[in-house]
Amino acid sequence: MAALWPFVLVAASGILAKDVPHPRNSALHHLTKQLLQKYRKEVRPVHDWTEATTVYLDVFVRAVLDVDIQNQKLKLSVWYREVWDDEFLSWNASMFDDIREISLPLSAIWAPDIIINEFVDIERLPHPPYVYVNSSGTIRNSKSIQVVSACSLETYAFPFDIQNCSLTFNSILHTVADVDLAFLRSREDIRHNKKAFLNDSEWELLSVSSTYGVQQSTAGDFAQIQFHVVIRRRPLGYVVSLLIPSIFLMLVDLGSFYLPATCRARIVFKTSVLVGYTVFRVNMSDEMPRSATGTPLIGVFFTVCMAFLVLSLSKSILLVKFLHDERSSGQEWPLWCLQREADTDGPRVDARAQLSGVTAAPVCREHHDSSGTLQEALSQLQSIGGHVRTRDQADRREAVGLALLERFDQLLFRGYLAVLGGYAVTLCSLWVLWSRL
């Protein structure tokens, strides 16, 4: 009996070994080994080479990371999916413990060479190294990418601008006869589905429209799918920090036209407004997008208003210089409109009367001292008359010059008012168009 114990122990160990599953003998291991044992990833996975492999694409825009207006680049965070059938990776699920889906290394199987035509840089993210394969041979590859693509960005309507950028997917080498493309979802679902978008940035996703086409070239016909990503800027922050202050500054400058044209204080006021314009323009340049292909409309209006301010200031300087020259020649003008020096000094004396008195005094002194002749008195009177006529002519020229400057000032005021009105109407129209989308 003792001699049978070794045989009993060997039989018992065999039974226990059958009850405990071994990893090498598992159904998943056998299935993976069977699928990849004779698999050739260098060959397109079809039994009939004349049949095209259809790759189904899908894109979810998750976030707008950066909009580089100056370099014309758009950076997006995209969830990308592609699905295709591999005729060499199918099995009968009933023969492998009803396993209907497994994961395989992406590096071990054939994958389509799909690229984005507009990309200029792709951020390095940890791509999943595995793909899912079901029993019918359908492969699902999903990954998150940060794609930096070239895009024609317009800044004319800033801050109510809307950008439309395209992502074009196509195969690098395979023509449409070998690799065809199709949509994984319906176009309407792609266009209006925004559930994956993180709606907490400066930009808002409007839609993602899609089109299918065949690109013809000398190398062959290539299937391509375009996703048109339409985004718009949220303008509230720029309205508060740029538009409203600019309108207030323009209104203050417009009010300076109500100061008298001969007032020196008008020059001081306009110079202060010009300094305000300059400081605001410097601060505004840090917030406005810079582009070599276009200028924002707000920048154009602001530059035009600064031009009107400089013209008005130049006109006021010329007017004061003109009046200063007349004052130095003997005529008094009320250059300081806010000061009434004439009231404190006493009653004003007419320049002509003062001049007549100045010239008449020597005549009287000569008459009393030397009892001059009537001819000398007549000569003095003729000299006075000639001086008065010269002064009258100068007064008429001054009146004509002042009238011309006054008309030019009115023309500037009307032009400034028209520009400001057009600026306000344009901004309101852009805001209405922006809100309707």
Protein backbone atom coordinates (compact mmCIF):
# COMPACT_ATOMS: atom_id res chain seq x y z
CA MET A 1 0.00 0.00 0.00
CA ALA A 2 2.85 2.29 0.81
CA ALA A 3 4.20 1.71 -2.66
CA LEU A 4 1.03 3.26 -4.22
CA TRP A 5 1.36 6.63 -2.44
CA PRO A 6 3.68 8.19 -5.02
CA PHE A 7 1.21 7.41 -7.83
CA VAL A 8 -1.65 8.89 -5.80
CA LEU A 9 0.28 12.14 -5.21
CA VAL A 10 1.18 12.45 -8.89
CA ALA A 11 -2.46 11.96 -9.94
CA ALA A 12 -3.67 14.50 -7.38
CA SER A 13 -1.16 17.09 -8.53
CA GLY A 14 -2.30 16.55 -12.13
CA ILE A 15 -5.93 17.16 -11.19
CA LEU A 16 -5.04 20.37 -9.31
CA ALA A 17 -2.97 21.54 -12.27
CA LYS A 18 -5.99 21.13 -14.54
CA ASP A 19 -8.23 23.15 -12.18
CA VAL A 20 -5.87 26.15 -11.96
CA PRO A 21 -5.77 28.10 -15.30
CA HIS A 22 -2.32 28.83 -16.69
CA PRO A 23 -1.73 32.21 -18.44
CA ARG A 24 -0.26 30.54 -21.51
CA ASN A 25 -3.27 28.35 -21.86
CA SER A 26 -5.87 31.11 -21.45
CA ALA A 27 -8.31 31.89 -24.27
CA LEU A 28 -7.14 35.50 -24.52
CA HIS A 29 -3.54 34.43 -24.89
CA HIS A 30 -4.41 31.87 -27.53
CA LEU A 31 -6.52 34.40 -29.41
CA THR A 32 -3.82 37.07 -29.39
CA LYS A 33 -1.18 34.59 -30.45
CA GLN A 34 -3.33 33.24 -33.24
CA LEU A 35 -4.16 36.72 -34.60
CA LEU A 36 -0.61 38.09 -34.60
CA GLN A 37 1.35 34.95 -35.33
CA LYS A 38 1.24 35.28 -39.11
CA TYR A 39 0.04 38.90 -39.31
CA ARG A 40 1.92 41.24 -41.70
CA LYS A 41 1.44 44.89 -40.71
CA GLU A 42 3.24 46.11 -43.84
CA VAL A 43 0.37 44.95 -46.10
CA ARG A 44 -3.06 46.57 -46.36
CA PRO A 45 -5.42 44.13 -44.58
CA VAL A 46 -7.71 42.99 -47.41
CA HIS A 47 -8.12 39.63 -49.12
CA ASP A 48 -8.90 41.26 -52.46
CA TRP A 49 -6.41 44.02 -53.20
CA THR A 50 -8.84 45.72 -55.59
CA GLU A 51 -11.16 46.55 -52.71
CA ALA A 52 -10.54 49.82 -50.90
CA THR A 53 -10.17 50.05 -47.13
CA THR A 54 -12.69 52.55 -45.81
CA VAL A 55 -11.54 54.61 -42.81
CA TYR A 56 -14.29 56.33 -40.79
CA LEU A 57 -13.20 59.59 -39.17
CA ASP A 58 -14.68 61.63 -36.34
CA VAL A 59 -13.54 64.81 -34.58
CA PHE A 60 -14.62 66.42 -31.30
CA VAL A 61 -13.29 69.93 -30.62
CA ARG A 62 -12.62 70.10 -26.89
CA ALA A 63 -11.05 73.53 -26.43
CA VAL A 64 -9.54 76.52 -28.20
CA LEU A 65 -6.10 76.82 -26.62
CA ASP A 66 -4.63 79.74 -28.54
CA VAL A 67 -5.43 82.04 -31.46
CA ASP A 68 -2.20 83.56 -32.79
CA ILE A 69 -3.35 86.39 -35.06
CA GLN A 70 0.15 87.64 -35.80
CA ASN A 71 1.46 84.27 -37.00
CA GLN A 72 -1.92 83.12 -38.41
CA LYS A 73 -2.03 79.94 -36.31
CA LEU A 74 -4.81 78.24 -34.38
CA LYS A 75 -4.17 75.80 -31.56
CA LEU A 76 -6.97 73.34 -30.75
CA SER A 77 -7.45 70.43 -28.40
CA VAL A 78 -9.17 67.72 -30.44
CA TRP A 79 -10.48 64.27 -29.61
CA TYR A 80 -9.84 62.25 -32.78
CA ARG A 81 -11.33 58.86 -33.69
CA GLU A 82 -10.75 56.59 -36.67
CA VAL A 83 -12.38 53.23 -37.39
CA TRP A 84 -11.55 50.69 -40.11
CA ASP A 85 -11.99 46.99 -40.85
CA ASP A 86 -9.07 44.56 -40.79
CA GLU A 87 -10.00 41.35 -42.58
CA PHE A 88 -7.08 39.50 -41.00
CA LEU A 89 -8.08 40.24 -37.39
CA SER A 90 -11.49 38.53 -37.15
CA TRP A 91 -12.39 35.40 -35.14
CA ASN A 92 -15.24 33.23 -33.97
CA ALA A 93 -16.09 34.42 -30.47
CA SER A 94 -17.68 31.09 -29.47
CA MET A 95 -14.32 29.33 -29.88
CA PHE A 96 -12.54 31.70 -27.45
CA ASP A 97 -14.73 31.85 -24.33
CA ASP A 98 -17.11 34.31 -26.05
CA ILE A 99 -14.43 37.04 -26.25
CA ARG A 100 -15.85 39.69 -28.58
CA GLU A 101 -13.33 42.50 -28.14
CA ILE A 102 -9.65 42.71 -27.26
CA SER A 103 -6.93 45.35 -27.22
CA LEU A 104 -3.86 45.04 -29.40
CA PRO A 105 -0.70 47.15 -29.69
CA LEU A 106 -1.06 49.76 -32.40
CA SER A 107 2.54 49.18 -33.42
CA ALA A 108 1.79 45.53 -34.22
CA ILE A 109 -0.98 46.05 -36.79
CA TRP A 110 -1.57 48.01 -39.99
CA ALA A 111 -2.85 51.58 -39.48
CA PRO A 112 -3.94 54.17 -42.07
CA ASP A 113 -1.53 57.03 -42.84
CA ILE A 114 -3.98 59.87 -42.19
CA ILE A 115 -2.58 63.38 -41.67
CA ILE A 116 -3.87 66.94 -41.29
CA ASN A 117 -2.85 69.10 -44.23
CA GLU A 118 -2.97 72.43 -42.37
CA PHE A 119 -0.94 71.35 -39.38
CA VAL A 120 2.29 73.23 -38.63
CA ASP A 121 3.04 71.54 -35.33
CA ILE A 122 1.52 68.78 -33.24
CA GLU A 123 2.08 68.92 -29.51
CA ARG A 124 3.53 65.78 -28.05
CA LEU A 125 0.92 64.08 -25.92
CA PRO A 126 0.95 60.55 -24.44
CA HIS A 127 -0.90 58.68 -27.19
CA PRO A 128 -2.59 55.44 -26.15
CA PRO A 129 -0.41 52.54 -27.39
CA TYR A 130 -3.37 50.17 -27.86
CA VAL A 131 -6.43 49.94 -30.09
CA TYR A 132 -9.64 47.98 -29.66
CA VAL A 133 -10.46 45.14 -32.07
CA ASN A 134 -13.79 43.29 -32.11
CA SER A 135 -14.50 39.83 -33.41
CA SER A 136 -15.61 41.08 -36.83
CA GLY A 137 -12.25 42.79 -37.41
CA THR A 138 -13.34 46.39 -36.75
CA ILE A 139 -10.56 48.47 -35.19
CA ARG A 140 -11.21 51.62 -33.14
CA ASN A 141 -8.36 54.05 -32.58
CA SER A 142 -9.07 57.09 -30.35
CA LYS A 143 -6.62 59.71 -29.18
CA SER A 144 -6.43 63.27 -27.93
CA ILE A 145 -4.22 65.66 -29.89
CA GLN A 146 -3.27 69.31 -29.65
CA VAL A 147 -2.99 70.43 -33.23
CA VAL A 148 -1.49 73.75 -34.28
CA SER A 149 -2.83 74.52 -37.76
CA ALA A 150 -2.35 77.34 -40.23
CA CYS A 151 -5.49 79.44 -40.64
CA SER A 152 -6.47 82.72 -42.31
CA LEU A 153 -7.52 84.79 -39.30
CA GLU A 154 -9.42 88.05 -39.84
CA THR A 155 -9.31 90.92 -37.33
CA TYR A 156 -11.38 93.56 -39.14
CA ALA A 157 -14.43 93.13 -36.89
CA PHE A 158 -12.46 92.86 -33.62
CA PRO A 159 -13.70 92.31 -30.92
CA PHE A 160 -16.77 90.89 -32.71
CA ASP A 161 -14.66 88.70 -34.99
CA ILE A 162 -15.65 85.20 -36.14
CA GLN A 163 -12.97 82.79 -37.34
CA ASN A 164 -13.43 79.84 -39.69
CA CYS A 165 -10.55 77.36 -39.79
CA SER A 166 -10.36 74.04 -41.62
CA LEU A 167 -8.81 70.71 -40.69
CA THR A 168 -8.28 68.58 -43.80
CA PHE A 169 -7.67 64.84 -43.30
CA ASN A 170 -6.34 62.65 -46.09
CA SER A 171 -3.93 59.78 -46.70
CA ILE A 172 -0.31 60.54 -47.49
CA LEU A 173 0.37 57.78 -50.04
CA HIS A 174 -2.79 55.74 -50.59
CA THR A 175 -5.13 56.89 -53.32
CA VAL A 176 -8.91 56.68 -53.09
CA ALA A 177 -8.73 53.28 -54.81
CA ASP A 178 -6.80 51.93 -51.82
CA VAL A 179 -7.95 54.00 -48.82
CA ASP A 180 -11.29 55.79 -48.84
CA LEU A 181 -12.63 58.08 -46.12
CA ALA A 182 -16.10 58.39 -44.62
CA PHE A 183 -17.86 59.99 -41.66
CA LEU A 184 -18.29 58.01 -38.47
CA ARG A 185 -21.28 60.14 -37.43
CA SER A 186 -23.86 62.03 -39.41
CA ARG A 187 -22.90 65.49 -40.59
CA GLU A 188 -25.70 67.14 -38.64
CA ASP A 189 -24.53 65.48 -35.44
CA ILE A 190 -20.97 66.62 -36.09
CA ARG A 191 -22.14 70.16 -36.84
CA HIS A 192 -24.25 70.76 -33.75
CA ASN A 193 -22.73 68.48 -31.10
CA LYS A 194 -20.85 70.70 -28.62
CA LYS A 195 -20.95 68.49 -25.54
CA ALA A 196 -17.22 67.85 -25.52
CA PHE A 197 -16.30 71.55 -25.85
CA LEU A 198 -15.00 73.26 -22.70
CA ASN A 199 -17.01 76.48 -22.90
CA ASP A 200 -14.98 78.54 -20.43
CA SER A 201 -12.44 80.38 -22.56
CA GLU A 202 -12.38 83.59 -24.59
CA TRP A 203 -13.66 81.75 -27.65
CA GLU A 204 -17.00 80.08 -28.23
CA LEU A 205 -17.58 77.15 -30.59
CA LEU A 206 -20.37 77.83 -33.09
CA SER A 207 -20.30 74.78 -35.34
CA VAL A 208 -18.12 72.12 -36.95
CA SER A 209 -19.31 71.57 -40.50
CA SER A 210 -17.81 68.79 -42.62
CA THR A 211 -17.37 68.01 -46.31
CA TYR A 212 -16.09 65.06 -48.31
CA GLY A 213 -14.16 65.41 -51.54
CA VAL A 214 -11.56 63.85 -53.80
CA GLN A 215 -8.36 65.78 -54.38
CA GLN A 216 -6.95 65.29 -57.86
CA SER A 217 -3.22 65.53 -58.43
CA THR A 218 -0.52 64.14 -60.67
CA ALA A 219 0.17 61.40 -58.12
CA GLY A 220 -3.46 60.24 -58.21
CA ASP A 221 -6.84 60.95 -56.64
CA PHE A 222 -6.88 61.16 -52.85
CA ALA A 223 -9.97 61.10 -50.65
CA GLN A 224 -10.17 63.91 -48.11
CA ILE A 225 -12.50 65.09 -45.38
CA GLN A 226 -12.60 68.69 -44.19
CA PHE A 227 -13.87 69.82 -40.80
CA HIS A 228 -14.63 73.56 -40.74
CA VAL A 229 -14.30 74.81 -37.16
CA VAL A 230 -16.23 78.08 -36.67
CA ILE A 231 -15.48 80.01 -33.47
CA ARG A 232 -16.31 83.51 -32.27
CA ARG A 233 -14.79 85.77 -29.64
CA ARG A 234 -16.63 86.80 -26.49
CA PRO A 235 -16.43 90.63 -26.73
CA LEU A 236 -17.72 91.79 -23.35
CA GLY A 237 -14.29 92.26 -21.78
CA TYR A 238 -13.06 94.29 -24.75
CA VAL A 239 -16.24 96.38 -24.84
CA VAL A 240 -15.70 97.41 -21.23
CA SER A 241 -11.93 97.95 -21.45
CA LEU A 242 -11.58 99.35 -25.01
CA LEU A 243 -14.74 100.45 -26.79
CA ILE A 244 -16.52 102.39 -24.03
CA PRO A 245 -13.38 104.31 -22.91
CA SER A 246 -12.54 105.15 -26.53
CA ILE A 247 -16.04 106.55 -27.10
CA PHE A 248 -15.79 108.64 -23.91
CA LEU A 249 -12.42 110.03 -25.02
CA MET A 250 -13.84 110.94 -28.43
CA LEU A 251 -16.81 112.69 -26.82
CA VAL A 252 -14.47 114.76 -24.62
CA ASP A 253 -12.48 115.76 -27.70
CA LEU A 254 -15.71 116.62 -29.50
CA GLY A 255 -16.69 118.92 -26.63
CA SER A 256 -13.50 120.95 -27.11
CA PHE A 257 -14.97 122.40 -30.31
CA TYR A 258 -17.43 124.39 -28.18
CA LEU A 259 -14.57 126.46 -26.75
CA PRO A 260 -14.01 129.79 -28.59
CA ALA A 261 -11.60 129.52 -31.48
CA THR A 262 -9.52 132.49 -30.19
CA CYS A 263 -9.10 130.97 -26.75
CA ARG A 264 -5.64 129.79 -25.71
CA ALA A 265 -7.18 127.46 -23.17
CA ARG A 266 -8.50 125.45 -26.11
CA ILE A 267 -4.94 124.57 -27.07
CA VAL A 268 -4.19 123.44 -23.53
CA PHE A 269 -7.37 121.36 -23.46
CA LYS A 270 -6.72 119.70 -26.83
CA THR A 271 -3.10 119.02 -25.89
CA SER A 272 -4.30 117.21 -22.77
CA VAL A 273 -6.76 115.19 -24.85
CA LEU A 274 -3.97 114.31 -27.29
CA VAL A 275 -1.87 113.00 -24.40
CA GLY A 276 -4.86 110.94 -23.30
CA TYR A 277 -5.24 109.58 -26.83
CA THR A 278 -1.57 108.59 -26.91
CA VAL A 279 -1.63 106.83 -23.54
CA PHE A 280 -4.84 105.01 -24.42
CA ARG A 281 -3.44 103.99 -27.82
CA VAL A 282 -0.36 102.47 -26.17
CA ASN A 283 -2.51 100.51 -23.73
CA MET A 284 -4.87 99.48 -26.50
CA SER A 285 -2.04 98.11 -28.65
CA ASP A 286 -1.28 95.51 -25.97
CA GLU A 287 -4.83 94.15 -26.07
CA MET A 288 -5.58 94.42 -29.78
CA PRO A 289 -4.48 91.57 -32.06
CA ARG A 290 -1.66 92.35 -34.44
CA SER A 291 -1.85 91.15 -38.01
CA ALA A 292 0.22 91.85 -41.09
CA THR A 293 -2.76 91.32 -43.39
CA GLY A 294 -5.35 93.63 -41.84
CA THR A 295 -6.12 96.24 -39.20
CA PRO A 296 -9.03 96.10 -36.73
CA LEU A 297 -11.81 98.58 -37.44
CA ILE A 298 -11.49 100.10 -33.97
CA GLY A 299 -7.85 100.96 -34.71
CA VAL A 300 -8.81 102.66 -37.98
CA PHE A 301 -11.48 104.82 -36.30
CA PHE A 302 -9.13 105.71 -33.47
CA THR A 303 -6.41 106.80 -35.90
CA VAL A 304 -8.90 108.93 -37.86
CA CYS A 305 -10.07 110.63 -34.66
CA MET A 306 -6.45 111.35 -33.70
CA ALA A 307 -5.94 112.88 -37.15
CA PHE A 308 -8.95 115.17 -36.63
CA LEU A 309 -7.58 116.14 -33.21
CA VAL A 310 -4.16 117.01 -34.66
CA LEU A 311 -5.76 119.08 -37.43
CA SER A 312 -7.90 120.98 -34.96
CA LEU A 313 -4.95 121.55 -32.66
CA SER A 314 -2.80 122.78 -35.57
CA LYS A 315 -5.55 125.17 -36.61
CA SER A 316 -5.80 126.56 -33.08
CA ILE A 317 -2.03 127.04 -32.90
CA LEU A 318 -2.00 128.90 -36.22
CA LEU A 319 -4.87 131.11 -35.07
CA VAL A 320 -3.18 132.06 -31.80
CA LYS A 321 0.07 132.72 -33.65
CA PHE A 322 -1.84 134.95 -36.06
CA LEU A 323 -3.46 136.89 -33.23
CA HIS A 324 -0.16 137.11 -31.37
CA ASP A 325 1.47 138.74 -34.38
CA GLU A 326 -1.34 141.30 -34.53
CA ARG A 327 -1.01 141.95 -30.82
CA SER A 328 2.70 142.58 -31.11
CA SER A 329 1.96 145.10 -33.91
CA GLY A 330 -0.13 147.20 -31.54
CA GLN A 331 -3.66 145.74 -31.47
CA GLU A 332 -5.02 144.04 -28.36
CA TRP A 333 -6.98 140.78 -28.68
CA PRO A 334 -8.73 138.78 -25.96
CA LEU A 335 -6.40 135.78 -26.21
CA TRP A 336 -7.21 134.46 -22.75
CA CYS A 337 -10.94 133.94 -22.99
CA LEU A 338 -11.27 132.82 -19.38
CA GLN A 339 -9.58 135.94 -17.93
CA ARG A 340 -11.03 139.45 -18.02
CA GLU A 341 -7.95 141.55 -17.60
CA ALA A 342 -9.61 144.49 -19.31
CA ASP A 343 -12.20 144.74 -16.52
CA THR A 344 -9.56 144.95 -13.80
CA ASP A 345 -7.41 147.46 -15.64
CA GLY A 346 -10.29 149.88 -16.23
CA PRO A 347 -12.31 150.80 -19.30
CA ARG A 348 -10.87 149.72 -22.60
CA VAL A 349 -9.49 152.42 -24.84
CA ASP A 350 -9.98 152.08 -28.55
CA ALA A 351 -6.74 151.57 -30.38
CA ARG A 352 -7.63 154.20 -32.92
CA ALA A 353 -8.47 156.77 -30.24
CA GLN A 354 -5.28 155.86 -28.37
CA LEU A 355 -3.25 156.19 -31.51
CA SER A 356 -5.01 159.48 -32.36
CA GLY A 357 -4.22 160.75 -28.89
CA VAL A 358 -0.62 159.66 -29.17
CA THR A 359 -0.16 161.43 -32.46
CA ALA A 360 -2.29 164.45 -31.56
CA ALA A 361 -0.26 165.31 -28.47
CA PRO A 362 2.84 166.31 -30.39
CA VAL A 363 0.68 168.44 -32.71
CA CYS A 364 -0.78 170.33 -29.75
CA ARG A 365 2.66 170.79 -28.20
CA GLU A 366 4.03 172.17 -31.45
CA HIS A 367 1.04 174.47 -31.81
CA HIS A 368 1.50 175.88 -28.31
CA ASP A 369 5.28 175.98 -28.42
CA SER A 370 5.98 177.24 -31.88
CA SER A 371 2.52 178.12 -33.22
CA GLY A 372 2.99 175.87 -36.28
CA THR A 373 1.35 176.62 -39.53
CA LEU A 374 -1.94 175.20 -40.78
CA GLN A 375 -0.07 173.19 -43.41
CA GLU A 376 1.80 171.20 -40.78
CA ALA A 377 -1.48 170.45 -38.98
CA LEU A 378 -3.01 169.31 -42.27
CA SER A 379 -0.02 167.05 -42.86
CA GLN A 380 -0.49 165.47 -39.45
CA LEU A 381 -4.17 164.90 -40.13
CA GLN A 382 -3.39 163.24 -43.46
CA SER A 383 -0.88 160.98 -41.73
CA ILE A 384 -3.49 160.01 -39.16
CA GLY A 385 -6.04 159.33 -41.90
CA GLY A 386 -3.58 157.13 -43.78
CA HIS A 387 -2.81 155.16 -40.64
CA VAL A 388 -6.51 154.68 -39.94
CA ARG A 389 -7.12 153.44 -43.49
CA THR A 390 -4.20 151.02 -43.18
CA ARG A 391 -5.66 149.74 -39.90
CA ASP A 392 -9.08 149.32 -41.51
CA GLN A 393 -7.60 147.26 -44.31
CA ALA A 394 -5.72 145.11 -41.77
CA ASP A 395 -8.94 144.67 -39.78
CA ARG A 396 -10.76 143.49 -42.88
CA ARG A 397 -8.02 140.99 -43.70
CA GLU A 398 -8.10 139.74 -40.12
CA ALA A 399 -11.87 139.38 -40.29
CA VAL A 400 -11.60 137.37 -43.51
CA GLY A 401 -8.90 135.14 -41.99
CA LEU A 402 -10.93 134.57 -38.84
CA ALA A 403 -13.99 133.71 -40.92
CA LEU A 404 -12.02 131.14 -42.92
CA LEU A 405 -10.60 129.57 -39.78
CA GLU A 406 -14.06 129.51 -38.25
CA ARG A 407 -15.45 127.69 -41.30
CA PHE A 408 -12.56 125.23 -41.19
CA ASP A 409 -13.29 124.64 -37.51
CA GLN A 410 -16.95 123.97 -38.27
CA LEU A 411 -15.93 121.59 -41.06
CA LEU A 412 -13.69 119.68 -38.66
CA PHE A 413 -16.46 119.53 -36.10
CA ARG A 414 -18.94 118.10 -38.60
CA GLY A 415 -16.40 115.62 -39.91
CA TYR A 416 -15.52 114.53 -36.38
CA LEU A 417 -19.21 114.15 -35.57
CA ALA A 418 -19.77 112.05 -38.71
CA VAL A 419 -16.82 109.79 -37.88
CA LEU A 420 -17.98 109.29 -34.32
CA GLY A 421 -21.52 108.54 -35.48
CA GLY A 422 -20.26 106.07 -38.09
CA TYR A 423 -18.03 104.45 -35.45
CA ALA A 424 -20.97 103.95 -33.08
CA VAL A 425 -23.31 102.67 -35.81
CA THR A 426 -20.67 100.24 -37.12
CA LEU A 427 -19.95 98.82 -33.68
CA CYS A 428 -23.66 98.37 -32.97
CA SER A 429 -24.17 96.65 -36.34
CA LEU A 430 -21.26 94.28 -35.71
CA TRP A 431 -22.63 93.47 -32.28
CA VAL A 432 -26.08 92.71 -33.71
CA LEU A 433 -24.60 90.47 -36.41
CA TRP A 434 -22.45 88.72 -33.82
CA SER A 435 -25.40 88.05 -31.52
CA ARG A 436 -27.52 86.55 -34.34
CA LEU A 437 -25.05 83.75 -35.04
